[in-house]
Protein backbone atom coordinates (compact mmCIF):
# COMPACT_ATOMS: atom_id res chain seq x y z
CA MET A 1 -16.23 -141.96 -106.25
CA ALA A 2 -16.94 -145.16 -104.36
CA ARG A 3 -19.96 -147.17 -105.51
CA ARG A 4 -21.31 -150.54 -104.49
CA ARG A 5 -19.99 -153.27 -106.76
CA ALA A 6 -22.58 -155.74 -108.05
CA SER A 7 -21.64 -159.34 -108.78
CA PRO A 8 -20.81 -159.58 -112.49
CA GLU A 9 -23.13 -161.76 -114.56
CA PRO A 10 -21.80 -164.17 -117.19
CA ALA A 11 -22.48 -163.22 -120.80
CA GLN A 12 -25.46 -165.02 -122.37
CA ALA A 13 -25.36 -166.58 -125.81
CA GLY A 14 -26.38 -164.16 -128.60
CA ARG A 15 -25.96 -161.12 -126.35
CA THR A 16 -23.15 -158.55 -126.16
CA ARG A 17 -22.48 -157.47 -122.63
CA CYS A 18 -21.49 -153.78 -122.47
CA ALA A 19 -19.80 -151.93 -119.62
CA VAL A 20 -19.64 -148.15 -119.27
CA TYR A 21 -16.35 -146.62 -118.14
CA THR A 22 -16.29 -143.03 -116.85
CA ARG A 23 -13.42 -140.90 -115.53
CA LYS A 24 -12.75 -137.40 -114.24
CA SER A 25 -9.21 -136.13 -113.58
CA THR A 26 -10.07 -134.16 -110.42
CA ASP A 27 -12.50 -134.76 -107.57
CA GLU A 28 -13.92 -131.25 -107.89
CA GLY A 29 -17.72 -131.37 -108.10
CA LEU A 30 -18.00 -135.11 -107.47
CA ASP A 31 -20.00 -134.46 -104.32
CA GLN A 32 -22.86 -132.99 -106.38
CA ALA A 33 -26.07 -134.95 -106.87
CA PHE A 34 -25.51 -135.10 -110.65
CA ASN A 35 -21.82 -134.81 -111.53
CA SER A 36 -19.61 -135.33 -114.58
CA LEU A 37 -19.41 -139.09 -114.09
CA ASP A 38 -23.20 -139.34 -113.98
CA ALA A 39 -23.48 -137.28 -117.19
CA GLN A 40 -21.01 -139.57 -118.99
CA TYR A 41 -22.79 -142.68 -117.69
CA GLU A 42 -26.23 -141.44 -118.76
CA ALA A 43 -25.05 -140.63 -122.31
CA CYS A 44 -23.39 -144.04 -122.66
CA THR A 45 -26.40 -145.99 -121.34
CA ALA A 46 -28.61 -144.17 -123.83
CA TYR A 47 -26.29 -145.27 -126.65
CA ILE A 48 -26.42 -148.89 -125.45
CA ALA A 49 -30.22 -148.72 -125.38
CA SER A 50 -30.17 -147.57 -129.01
CA GLN A 51 -28.22 -150.71 -129.94
CA ARG A 52 -30.59 -153.12 -128.24
CA HIS A 53 -31.58 -154.60 -131.61
CA GLU A 54 -27.94 -155.71 -131.98
CA GLY A 55 -28.21 -157.68 -128.73
CA TRP A 56 -26.35 -155.15 -126.59
CA THR A 57 -27.09 -155.28 -122.86
CA LEU A 58 -25.87 -153.03 -120.06
CA ALA A 59 -23.79 -154.48 -117.23
CA ARG A 60 -25.24 -153.62 -113.86
CA GLU A 61 -21.85 -152.77 -112.41
CA ARG A 62 -20.43 -149.27 -112.85
CA TYR A 63 -16.75 -148.63 -113.49
CA ASP A 64 -16.09 -145.07 -112.31
CA ASP A 65 -12.76 -143.38 -111.59
CA GLY A 66 -13.32 -139.99 -110.01
CA GLY A 67 -10.19 -137.95 -109.27
CA PHE A 68 -7.77 -140.13 -111.28
CA SER A 69 -5.43 -138.94 -114.05
CA GLY A 70 -5.56 -140.53 -117.47
CA GLY A 71 -1.78 -140.64 -117.59
CA SER A 72 -1.60 -143.76 -115.41
CA MET A 73 -3.31 -147.16 -115.33
CA GLU A 74 -3.30 -147.21 -111.52
CA ARG A 75 -7.06 -146.67 -111.36
CA PRO A 76 -9.34 -149.00 -109.37
CA GLY A 77 -12.30 -148.74 -111.75
CA LEU A 78 -10.15 -149.42 -114.83
CA GLN A 79 -8.41 -152.35 -113.19
CA ARG A 80 -11.75 -153.97 -112.26
CA LEU A 81 -12.99 -153.41 -115.80
CA LEU A 82 -9.92 -155.00 -117.40
CA ASP A 83 -10.18 -157.96 -115.01
CA ASP A 84 -13.80 -158.51 -116.06
CA VAL A 85 -12.84 -158.18 -119.74
CA ALA A 86 -10.09 -160.78 -119.33
CA ALA A 87 -12.57 -163.09 -117.56
CA GLY A 88 -15.03 -162.80 -120.48
CA ARG A 89 -17.71 -160.98 -118.51
CA VAL A 90 -17.55 -157.85 -120.71
CA GLN A 91 -17.41 -157.81 -124.51
CA VAL A 92 -17.66 -154.07 -125.29
CA ILE A 93 -16.41 -151.04 -123.33
CA ILE A 94 -18.53 -147.91 -123.86
CA LEU A 95 -16.77 -144.53 -123.47
CA TYR A 96 -17.89 -140.95 -123.78
CA LYS A 97 -14.53 -140.06 -125.36
CA ILE A 98 -11.32 -141.98 -126.05
CA ASP A 99 -9.33 -139.84 -123.62
CA ARG A 100 -11.57 -141.05 -120.78
CA LEU A 101 -9.90 -144.45 -121.20
CA THR A 102 -6.31 -143.19 -121.30
CA ARG A 103 -4.15 -140.26 -122.32
CA SER A 104 -1.02 -142.35 -122.85
CA LEU A 105 -0.13 -144.18 -126.06
CA SER A 106 1.86 -146.85 -124.20
CA ASP A 107 -1.02 -147.50 -121.78
CA PHE A 108 -3.44 -147.67 -124.70
CA ALA A 109 -1.30 -150.36 -126.33
CA ARG A 110 -1.48 -152.44 -123.14
CA ILE A 111 -5.24 -151.99 -122.91
CA VAL A 112 -5.69 -153.01 -126.56
CA ASP A 113 -3.58 -156.11 -125.89
CA VAL A 114 -5.97 -157.13 -123.09
CA LEU A 115 -8.97 -156.51 -125.34
CA ASP A 116 -7.49 -158.50 -128.25
CA LYS A 117 -6.74 -161.50 -126.06
CA ALA A 118 -10.32 -161.51 -124.75
CA GLY A 119 -11.89 -160.80 -128.16
CA ALA A 120 -13.42 -157.58 -126.79
CA SER A 121 -13.61 -154.04 -128.21
CA PHE A 122 -14.51 -150.49 -127.22
CA VAL A 123 -16.79 -147.77 -128.55
CA SER A 124 -16.50 -143.98 -128.18
CA ILE A 125 -20.02 -142.57 -128.54
CA THR A 126 -18.86 -139.06 -129.54
CA GLN A 127 -16.04 -140.11 -131.92
CA SER A 128 -16.97 -142.27 -134.87
CA PHE A 129 -14.22 -144.25 -136.63
CA ASN A 130 -13.54 -147.84 -137.60
CA THR A 131 -10.38 -149.38 -136.14
CA THR A 132 -10.53 -152.35 -138.51
CA THR A 133 -9.11 -150.14 -141.30
CA SER A 134 -5.67 -148.52 -141.49
CA MET A 135 -7.25 -145.05 -141.70
CA GLY A 136 -9.32 -145.71 -138.59
CA ARG A 137 -6.25 -146.86 -136.65
CA LEU A 138 -4.34 -143.77 -137.83
CA THR A 139 -7.18 -141.55 -136.65
CA LEU A 140 -7.24 -143.29 -133.27
CA ASN A 141 -3.47 -142.89 -132.79
CA MET A 142 -3.71 -139.21 -133.75
CA LEU A 143 -6.46 -138.64 -131.19
CA LEU A 144 -4.46 -140.37 -128.47
CA SER A 145 -1.30 -138.46 -129.41
CA PHE A 146 -3.14 -135.18 -129.03
CA ALA A 147 -4.66 -136.37 -125.74
CA GLN A 148 -1.20 -137.24 -124.42
CA PHE A 149 0.19 -133.93 -125.68
CA GLU A 150 -2.63 -132.05 -123.94
CA ARG A 151 -1.97 -133.89 -120.68
CA GLU A 152 1.77 -133.16 -120.79
CA VAL A 153 1.27 -129.47 -121.67
CA THR A 154 -1.22 -129.14 -118.83
CA ALA A 155 1.23 -130.80 -116.43
CA GLU A 156 4.02 -128.44 -117.52
CA ARG A 157 1.72 -125.46 -117.07
CA ILE A 158 0.84 -126.60 -113.55
CA ARG A 159 4.49 -127.20 -112.65
CA ASP A 160 5.53 -123.78 -113.95
CA LYS A 161 2.73 -122.07 -112.03
CA PHE A 162 3.65 -123.99 -108.88
CA ALA A 163 7.34 -122.99 -109.20
CA ALA A 164 6.46 -119.34 -109.82
CA SER A 165 4.14 -119.31 -106.82
CA ARG A 166 6.76 -120.86 -104.57
CA ALA A 167 9.32 -118.29 -105.77
CA LYS A 168 6.92 -115.62 -104.51
CA GLY A 169 6.79 -117.36 -101.14
CA MET A 170 3.19 -118.56 -101.48
CA TRP A 171 1.76 -121.58 -99.65
CA MET A 172 0.76 -124.18 -102.26
CA GLY A 173 -1.02 -126.74 -100.12
CA GLY A 174 0.03 -130.04 -98.60
CA SER A 175 0.45 -130.99 -94.97
CA VAL A 176 0.18 -127.98 -92.70
CA PRO A 177 3.31 -127.71 -90.50
CA LEU A 178 2.82 -127.83 -86.75
CA GLY A 179 2.43 -124.28 -85.45
CA TYR A 180 0.50 -122.99 -88.45
CA LYS A 181 -3.04 -123.07 -89.79
CA VAL A 182 -4.48 -122.12 -93.18
CA GLN A 183 -6.63 -119.03 -93.64
CA ASP A 184 -7.58 -117.73 -97.09
CA ARG A 185 -5.04 -120.13 -98.64
CA LYS A 186 -2.22 -118.66 -96.57
CA LEU A 187 -0.28 -119.90 -93.56
CA VAL A 188 -0.89 -118.02 -90.34
CA VAL A 189 0.60 -118.75 -86.92
CA ASP A 190 -1.43 -120.94 -84.58
CA GLU A 191 -0.15 -119.67 -81.23
CA ALA A 192 -1.19 -122.77 -79.28
CA ASP A 193 0.89 -125.07 -81.49
CA ALA A 194 3.60 -122.45 -82.08
CA LYS A 195 4.49 -122.69 -78.37
CA THR A 196 5.15 -126.40 -78.85
CA VAL A 197 7.41 -125.70 -81.84
CA ARG A 198 9.42 -123.09 -79.93
CA TYR A 199 9.73 -125.50 -77.02
CA LEU A 200 11.04 -128.27 -79.31
CA PHE A 201 13.73 -126.02 -80.79
CA ALA A 202 14.77 -124.64 -77.40
CA CYS A 203 14.81 -128.13 -75.89
CA TYR A 204 17.07 -129.53 -78.63
CA ALA A 205 19.39 -126.52 -78.44
CA ASP A 206 19.68 -127.11 -74.69
CA LEU A 207 19.94 -130.92 -74.57
CA GLY A 208 21.60 -131.52 -77.96
CA SER A 209 20.24 -135.07 -78.19
CA SER A 210 17.17 -136.38 -79.98
CA LYS A 211 16.80 -139.21 -77.45
CA ALA A 212 16.75 -136.76 -74.55
CA VAL A 213 14.25 -134.51 -76.34
CA LEU A 214 11.94 -137.43 -77.19
CA ALA A 215 12.08 -138.66 -73.59
CA LYS A 216 11.13 -135.20 -72.37
CA LEU A 217 8.24 -135.03 -74.83
CA ARG A 218 6.93 -138.41 -73.67
CA GLU A 219 7.28 -137.31 -70.07
CA GLN A 220 5.22 -134.17 -70.72
CA GLN A 221 2.80 -136.07 -73.05
CA ILE A 222 3.44 -133.76 -76.00
CA THR A 223 2.23 -135.39 -79.22
CA THR A 224 2.11 -134.60 -82.92
CA LYS A 225 -0.80 -132.64 -84.29
CA ALA A 226 -3.90 -134.65 -85.24
CA GLN A 227 -5.07 -133.74 -88.75
CA PRO A 228 -8.34 -135.05 -90.27
CA LEU A 229 -8.02 -136.33 -93.85
CA SER A 230 -10.55 -136.06 -96.67
CA ASP A 231 -11.50 -139.74 -96.30
CA GLY A 232 -12.36 -139.28 -92.63
CA ARG A 233 -9.19 -140.82 -91.22
CA ILE A 234 -7.06 -138.99 -88.66
CA ARG A 235 -3.33 -138.56 -89.23
CA GLY A 236 -0.99 -137.76 -86.34
CA GLY A 237 -1.89 -137.40 -82.72
CA GLY A 238 0.79 -139.85 -81.60
CA SER A 239 4.25 -139.65 -80.06
CA PHE A 240 7.07 -137.91 -81.90
CA THR A 241 9.54 -140.19 -83.70
CA PRO A 242 13.23 -139.40 -84.34
CA GLY A 243 12.52 -138.92 -88.05
CA GLY A 244 9.55 -136.66 -87.40
CA LEU A 245 11.50 -134.62 -84.86
CA PHE A 246 14.43 -134.01 -87.23
CA TYR A 247 12.05 -133.20 -90.10
CA LEU A 248 10.48 -130.52 -87.92
CA LEU A 249 13.83 -129.16 -86.73
CA LYS A 250 15.12 -128.86 -90.32
CA ASN A 251 11.92 -127.36 -91.76
CA ARG A 252 12.80 -123.88 -93.03
CA THR A 253 9.12 -122.93 -92.94
CA TYR A 254 9.65 -122.03 -89.28
CA ILE A 255 12.07 -119.20 -90.16
CA GLY A 256 9.67 -117.73 -92.74
CA GLU A 257 11.11 -119.38 -95.84
CA VAL A 258 9.84 -121.78 -98.52
CA VAL A 259 11.86 -124.40 -100.40
CA HIS A 260 11.22 -125.66 -103.93
CA LYS A 261 13.55 -128.19 -105.58
CA GLY A 262 16.48 -127.13 -103.41
CA ALA A 263 15.99 -123.38 -103.90
CA VAL A 264 15.09 -121.27 -100.85
CA TYR A 265 12.78 -118.23 -101.14
CA PRO A 266 11.41 -115.74 -98.59
CA GLY A 267 7.90 -116.81 -97.62
CA GLU A 268 4.71 -114.81 -97.26
CA HIS A 269 4.02 -116.42 -93.88
CA PRO A 270 5.48 -115.15 -90.56
CA ALA A 271 8.37 -116.96 -88.88
CA ILE A 272 7.95 -118.84 -85.59
CA ILE A 273 11.66 -119.38 -84.81
CA ASP A 274 14.25 -116.58 -84.78
CA ALA A 275 17.40 -116.89 -86.88
CA ASP A 276 19.80 -117.29 -83.90
CA LEU A 277 17.93 -120.26 -82.40
CA TRP A 278 17.58 -121.83 -85.84
CA ALA A 279 21.35 -121.53 -86.48
CA GLN A 280 22.14 -122.97 -83.06
CA VAL A 281 19.91 -126.02 -83.62
CA GLN A 282 21.30 -126.68 -87.12
CA GLU A 283 24.84 -126.50 -85.78
CA ARG A 284 24.03 -129.08 -83.07
CA ILE A 285 22.37 -131.37 -85.63
CA ALA A 286 25.41 -131.18 -87.94
CA LEU A 287 27.81 -131.82 -85.03
CA ASN A 288 25.83 -134.85 -83.84
CA ALA A 289 25.72 -136.24 -87.40
CA THR A 290 29.52 -135.97 -87.65
CA GLN A 291 29.97 -137.73 -84.32
CA ARG A 292 27.59 -140.52 -85.38
CA VAL A 293 29.61 -141.09 -88.55
CA SER A 294 32.83 -141.18 -86.52
CA ARG A 295 31.34 -143.69 -84.08
CA ALA A 296 30.04 -145.85 -86.94
CA ASN A 297 33.46 -145.86 -88.55
CA ALA A 298 35.11 -146.62 -85.25
CA THR A 299 32.99 -149.76 -84.82
CA ASN A 300 34.56 -151.33 -87.93
CA PRO A 301 37.58 -149.12 -88.61
CA SER A 302 39.59 -149.23 -91.79
CA LEU A 303 42.61 -147.64 -90.15
CA LEU A 304 44.91 -148.17 -93.11
CA ALA A 305 42.62 -146.97 -95.91
CA GLY A 306 44.64 -144.72 -98.21
CA ARG A 307 47.95 -145.79 -96.64
CA ILE A 308 48.38 -149.45 -97.54
CA ILE A 309 49.88 -150.70 -100.84
CA ASP A 310 50.75 -154.17 -102.12
CA GLY A 311 54.14 -155.53 -103.20
CA LEU A 312 53.69 -154.09 -106.70
CA GLY A 313 53.04 -150.58 -105.40
CA ARG A 314 49.30 -150.78 -106.12
CA PRO A 315 46.87 -149.22 -103.63
CA MET A 316 44.79 -151.57 -101.51
CA THR A 317 41.23 -150.86 -100.43
CA PRO A 318 39.03 -152.15 -97.59
CA SER A 319 36.71 -155.04 -98.44
CA HIS A 320 34.69 -157.58 -96.52
CA ALA A 321 32.87 -160.89 -96.80
CA THR A 322 30.07 -162.32 -94.66
CA LYS A 323 29.89 -166.01 -93.81
CA GLY A 324 27.65 -167.65 -91.25
CA GLY A 325 26.49 -164.26 -89.99
CA ARG A 326 30.09 -163.20 -89.28
CA ARG A 327 31.81 -160.32 -91.08
CA TYR A 328 35.40 -160.77 -92.25
CA ARG A 329 37.37 -157.65 -93.25
CA TYR A 330 40.28 -157.52 -95.69
CA TYR A 331 42.52 -155.12 -97.54
CA ILE A 332 42.61 -156.11 -101.19
CA THR A 333 44.28 -154.71 -104.30
CA HIS A 334 42.10 -151.92 -105.70
CA GLU A 335 40.07 -153.06 -108.70
CA SER A 336 41.35 -150.20 -110.86
CA SER A 337 44.89 -151.62 -110.56
CA ILE A 338 44.07 -155.28 -111.27
CA THR A 339 45.42 -156.83 -114.47
CA ASP A 340 45.42 -160.37 -115.83
CA ALA A 341 49.23 -160.43 -115.67
CA GLU A 342 49.51 -159.79 -111.93
CA PRO A 343 47.65 -161.46 -109.04
CA VAL A 344 45.36 -159.77 -106.55
CA TRP A 345 46.92 -159.29 -103.10
CA ARG A 346 44.85 -159.72 -99.97
CA ILE A 347 45.50 -159.52 -96.23
CA SER A 348 43.26 -159.77 -93.19
CA ALA A 349 42.37 -156.23 -92.08
CA PRO A 350 42.42 -157.03 -88.31
CA ASP A 351 45.86 -158.67 -88.70
CA ALA A 352 47.35 -155.74 -90.64
CA GLU A 353 45.85 -153.21 -88.23
CA ALA A 354 47.09 -155.21 -85.24
CA ALA A 355 50.59 -155.17 -86.76
CA VAL A 356 50.44 -151.38 -87.09
CA ARG A 357 49.28 -151.01 -83.48
CA GLU A 358 52.09 -153.22 -82.22
CA SER A 359 54.59 -151.26 -84.31
CA LEU A 360 53.39 -147.96 -82.84
CA LYS A 361 53.48 -149.39 -79.32
CA HIS A 362 57.04 -150.58 -79.94
CA HIS A 363 58.26 -147.19 -81.17
CA LEU A 364 56.37 -145.20 -78.55
CA GLY A 365 57.68 -147.45 -75.81
CA ASP A 366 61.28 -147.52 -77.09
CA ARG A 367 63.25 -145.35 -74.66
CA SER A 368 66.36 -145.28 -76.83
CA GLY A 369 64.34 -144.31 -79.88
CA ILE A 370 62.72 -141.44 -77.94
CA CYS A 371 66.18 -140.26 -76.89
CA ARG A 372 67.29 -140.20 -80.53
CA LEU A 373 64.25 -138.04 -81.37
CA ILE A 374 65.12 -135.68 -78.49
CA ASP A 375 68.67 -135.35 -79.87
CA ALA A 376 67.32 -134.62 -83.37
CA ALA A 377 65.01 -131.97 -81.90
CA GLY A 378 67.85 -130.36 -79.96
CA GLY A 379 66.17 -131.12 -76.63
CA ASP A 380 67.73 -131.80 -73.27
CA ALA A 381 67.30 -134.28 -70.44
CA GLN A 382 64.30 -132.38 -69.08
CA CYS A 383 62.37 -133.31 -72.25
CA LEU A 384 62.72 -137.02 -71.57
CA GLY A 385 60.27 -137.26 -68.67
CA ARG A 386 57.61 -135.28 -70.53
CA ALA A 387 58.15 -137.32 -73.69
CA LEU A 388 57.82 -140.62 -71.82
CA ASP A 389 54.54 -139.47 -70.23
CA ARG A 390 53.23 -138.40 -73.63
CA ALA A 391 54.30 -141.74 -75.12
CA ALA A 392 52.42 -143.64 -72.41
CA ASP A 393 49.29 -141.58 -73.12
CA ALA A 394 49.62 -142.31 -76.84
CA ILE A 395 49.94 -146.04 -76.18
CA ARG A 396 46.74 -145.93 -74.12
CA THR A 397 45.07 -144.10 -77.02
CA LEU A 398 45.61 -147.19 -79.18
CA THR A 399 42.98 -148.99 -77.10
CA ASP A 400 40.39 -146.21 -77.61
CA ARG A 401 38.88 -146.70 -81.08
CA PRO A 402 37.56 -143.13 -81.67
CA ARG A 403 40.93 -141.59 -80.69
CA GLU A 404 43.04 -144.34 -82.23
CA ARG A 405 42.16 -143.33 -85.79
CA ALA A 406 43.51 -139.79 -85.38
CA LEU A 407 46.77 -141.12 -83.92
CA VAL A 408 47.32 -143.66 -86.71
CA GLU A 409 46.46 -141.13 -89.41
CA SER A 410 49.00 -138.63 -88.05
CA LEU A 411 51.87 -141.08 -87.39
CA VAL A 412 51.68 -143.76 -90.12
CA THR A 413 52.61 -142.52 -93.58
CA GLN A 414 52.58 -145.86 -95.43
CA VAL A 415 52.06 -149.58 -94.94
CA LYS A 416 53.75 -151.59 -97.71
CA LEU A 417 53.24 -155.31 -98.20
CA LEU A 418 56.28 -157.13 -99.59
CA SER A 419 56.80 -160.78 -100.42
CA ASP A 420 57.97 -161.78 -96.94
CA HIS A 421 57.26 -158.83 -94.62
CA ILE A 422 55.17 -155.74 -93.95
CA GLU A 423 57.01 -152.43 -93.98
CA ILE A 424 55.42 -149.79 -91.73
CA SER A 425 56.68 -146.21 -92.15
CA ILE A 426 56.21 -143.76 -89.25
CA ASP A 427 56.63 -140.01 -89.60
CA PRO A 428 59.32 -138.90 -87.11
CA HIS A 429 58.16 -135.25 -87.21
CA ALA A 430 54.62 -136.28 -86.22
CA ALA A 431 56.06 -138.59 -83.54
CA ALA A 432 58.08 -135.72 -82.09
CA GLY A 433 54.97 -133.54 -82.05
CA HIS A 434 52.98 -136.19 -80.14
CA LEU A 435 55.82 -136.46 -77.61
CA GLY A 436 55.79 -132.72 -77.00
CA LEU A 437 59.27 -132.19 -78.48
CA PRO A 438 60.49 -129.13 -80.38
CA PRO A 439 60.42 -129.36 -84.20
CA LEU A 440 63.07 -131.68 -85.63
CA THR A 441 65.95 -129.98 -87.42
CA GLY A 442 67.61 -131.28 -90.58
CA ALA A 443 66.74 -134.36 -92.61
CA VAL A 444 65.38 -137.19 -90.49
CA GLU A 445 64.82 -140.64 -91.96
CA PRO A 446 61.34 -142.21 -91.52
CA LEU A 447 61.01 -144.75 -88.73
CA ILE A 448 60.47 -148.14 -90.37
CA GLU A 449 59.20 -151.33 -88.74
CA ARG A 450 59.34 -154.68 -90.55
CA ILE A 451 57.06 -157.60 -89.60
CA ALA A 452 57.40 -161.07 -91.14
CA ILE A 453 54.50 -162.48 -93.15
CA ALA A 454 53.79 -165.64 -95.13
CA ARG A 455 52.88 -165.21 -98.80
CA VAL A 456 50.34 -167.75 -100.06
CA ARG A 457 49.03 -167.96 -103.64
CA ILE A 458 45.38 -169.07 -103.95
CA GLY A 459 44.22 -169.20 -107.56
CA LYS A 460 44.65 -165.70 -108.94
CA GLN A 461 45.05 -164.18 -105.48
CA VAL A 462 48.02 -163.75 -103.14
CA ARG A 463 46.95 -164.06 -99.52
CA LEU A 464 49.27 -162.71 -96.84
CA VAL A 465 49.35 -164.11 -93.30
CA LEU A 466 51.27 -162.53 -90.43
CA GLY A 467 54.17 -164.59 -89.12
CA ASP A 468 55.13 -168.09 -90.23
CA ALA A 469 51.80 -169.62 -89.11
CA PRO A 470 48.38 -168.62 -87.81
CA SER A 471 48.45 -167.63 -84.15
CA ARG A 472 45.04 -169.17 -83.35
CA PRO A 473 43.47 -172.54 -84.19
CA ASP A 474 41.21 -172.52 -87.22
CA ALA A 475 37.74 -173.37 -85.86
CA THR A 476 36.57 -174.83 -89.19
CA LEU A 477 39.60 -177.14 -89.37
CA VAL A 478 39.05 -178.31 -85.78
CA GLU A 479 35.38 -178.95 -86.53
CA LEU A 480 36.32 -180.89 -89.68
CA LEU A 481 38.67 -183.18 -87.73
CA THR A 482 35.97 -183.75 -85.12
CA GLU A 483 33.52 -184.67 -87.87
CA ALA A 484 36.08 -187.02 -89.43
CA HIS A 485 36.62 -188.96 -86.19
CA ALA A 486 32.84 -189.19 -85.68
CA ALA A 487 32.53 -190.68 -89.18
CA ARG A 488 35.19 -193.28 -88.39
CA GLU A 489 33.38 -194.24 -85.16
CA ARG A 490 30.18 -194.87 -87.17
CA VAL A 491 32.07 -197.09 -89.59
CA MET A 492 33.76 -199.07 -86.79
CA ALA A 493 30.41 -199.52 -85.03
CA ALA A 494 28.76 -201.05 -88.13
CA PRO A 495 31.21 -203.57 -89.66
CA GLY A 496 28.50 -205.24 -91.72
CA GLN A 497 27.48 -202.04 -93.55
CA THR A 498 29.08 -200.22 -96.45
CA ILE A 499 30.09 -196.56 -96.38
CA GLN A 500 27.25 -195.83 -98.80
CA ASP A 501 24.72 -197.42 -96.42
CA ILE A 502 26.05 -195.51 -93.40
CA ALA A 503 26.13 -192.22 -95.32
CA ALA A 504 22.54 -192.73 -96.50
CA ALA A 505 21.40 -193.58 -92.96
CA THR A 506 22.95 -190.38 -91.59
CA GLY A 507 21.70 -188.23 -94.50
CA GLN A 508 25.20 -187.36 -95.76
CA CYS A 509 26.78 -187.29 -99.20
CA ARG A 510 28.58 -190.58 -99.87
CA LYS A 511 31.68 -188.95 -101.41
CA ARG A 512 32.08 -186.48 -98.59
CA PHE A 513 31.54 -189.16 -95.96
CA ALA A 514 34.26 -191.30 -97.58
CA LYS A 515 36.66 -188.32 -97.52
CA LEU A 516 35.89 -187.76 -93.82
CA VAL A 517 36.70 -191.41 -93.03
CA ARG A 518 40.02 -191.13 -94.86
CA LEU A 519 40.80 -187.83 -93.11
CA SER A 520 40.30 -189.52 -89.74
CA TRP A 521 43.62 -191.35 -90.34
CA LEU A 522 45.56 -188.08 -90.25
CA SER A 523 48.77 -188.56 -88.26
CA PRO A 524 48.58 -187.58 -84.57
CA SER A 525 51.37 -184.99 -84.94
CA LEU A 526 49.60 -183.25 -87.81
CA ALA A 527 46.26 -183.37 -85.98
CA LYS A 528 47.95 -181.77 -82.94
CA ALA A 529 49.47 -179.09 -85.16
CA VAL A 530 45.98 -178.24 -86.50
CA LEU A 531 44.54 -178.12 -82.98
CA ASP A 532 47.40 -175.78 -81.96
CA GLY A 533 46.87 -173.56 -85.00
CA ALA A 534 50.32 -174.47 -86.38
CA GLN A 535 49.20 -175.66 -89.83
CA PRO A 536 50.60 -174.04 -93.01
CA PRO A 537 48.87 -170.75 -93.91
CA HIS A 538 47.33 -172.17 -97.10
CA LEU A 539 45.69 -175.11 -95.34
CA ASP A 540 42.01 -174.45 -94.70
CA ALA A 541 39.01 -176.78 -94.36
CA ARG A 542 38.27 -176.85 -98.08
CA ALA A 543 41.88 -177.65 -99.01
CA LEU A 544 42.19 -180.35 -96.35
CA LEU A 545 39.00 -182.10 -97.45
CA ALA A 546 39.86 -181.86 -101.15
CA VAL A 547 43.35 -183.36 -100.91
CA LYS A 548 43.79 -187.07 -101.66
CA LEU A 549 45.34 -187.95 -98.32
CA PRO A 550 47.91 -190.75 -98.35
CA LEU A 551 47.87 -193.24 -95.49
CA ASP A 552 51.60 -193.13 -94.63
CA TRP A 553 52.41 -190.28 -92.27
CA PRO A 554 55.57 -188.87 -93.94
CA SER A 555 53.66 -188.53 -97.23
CA GLN A 556 50.82 -186.78 -95.40
CA ARG A 557 53.26 -184.18 -94.05
CA ARG A 558 54.70 -183.60 -97.51
CA VAL A 559 51.34 -183.42 -99.33
CA LEU A 560 49.80 -181.02 -96.78
CA GLY A 561 52.82 -178.71 -96.84
CA PHE A 562 54.04 -179.13 -93.27
CA ALA A 563 57.72 -178.32 -92.67
């Protein structure tokens, strides 16, 4: 019940400022001229008047909570009251009964803590006990325990009744679904809105796309149903959203059923949608969801998940890291297989997947290898042309992400990382099937491709890099060299200043600036190797900046690990 809040007055010396708190769990009857809150307030003000000789005065502001449960402290009237108590504007809280304040022991402890800090207290006008004695505190805790017990039993009773009613198919309130209206506490079909519901289902069954359906709804200016709320606000009446559309399409109310905690029961209300149309729409929704998942996976595929193992035979799992807004994907030894005795293996996911693609392209484009498969299948020369065409189609599939996954999953049986190469195993039976050949006869060895890698230990990890060196320049290394030469130019341009002065003037760390100046004397051949991407696999920007770089060039090559 909303009431106008008066400005609280500060407590005067020699007077005890009293505030009345009233509460009612439901809003039933609050619209009456004299309701339960008024009755509580009147009884409490009469009690305060009887204590006028003790200096008690009534606060002008009312603290009412109509329609709020005592099991929670999320009540506006109570929160305002506790704020005023903490500010020293209220010294005594007057209640009709203790359970009006709270029905929870834990909440009562928090309220008492606020009162103790402010030196305030409370009085229940219908329950007389003294909380300064142990017996009084015991009595208070017993009363609150029974109040909490009563609240919980009532809640259980309501939940049980609600579940039993739903099991009978009864409408138990809430938002009225589009296409229905409530008469005598039951759902009945509202034909005007039911036409819209049937149109939505038929439209989705026909178009099969939420975007297309929403565009059609906007084109025909079909909106959600406007529903007035108890506080006067209007909910709905706007355009359909994807979430709202799917909620409507999945609502089993429209086929005459009710759902309670996952269980489905026949409803008392009539259905708007027939079972065949409902099944058709649900099938399209499920199919679209599967395709969305496939597309999402295809954007960042983990083609080798479940197939890649490290040099110790341990499974590797997809992982990623994000730096500077960019996402870097890896395959790393699965955490369940990690021990202190053995290092963690890691390889760049794009590099490993690129190696697998190149291996498949090599085998599918190998004419002699295809001929060997034809011989193993007992085919003849007529099979060759068909097999070559199929192989070309499969190679083109490797550039189509959604189709690529199925091809890799069927052909690649295992990707094994060893100390100096990757071993890719291809299933010859699956390869023969993709080439349109008859089934292979007899024992056929797996097709194995080996690709050289560099094995680099970094702390407790083993990082694997394809080939003897990176194929592309490291952008962070190139940027670091550029920064180093810029630092040297600043030093050469200011011969009368120290490195510390120049670093301070440019807002840089002195130690890092000194390292950059020293790095600028990197030999031209090594600098060219970095710019060409021909540096050792372990050499990254952090390692290059951390090393104590000697000035003579042969020592630089040795320290940095160049061949």
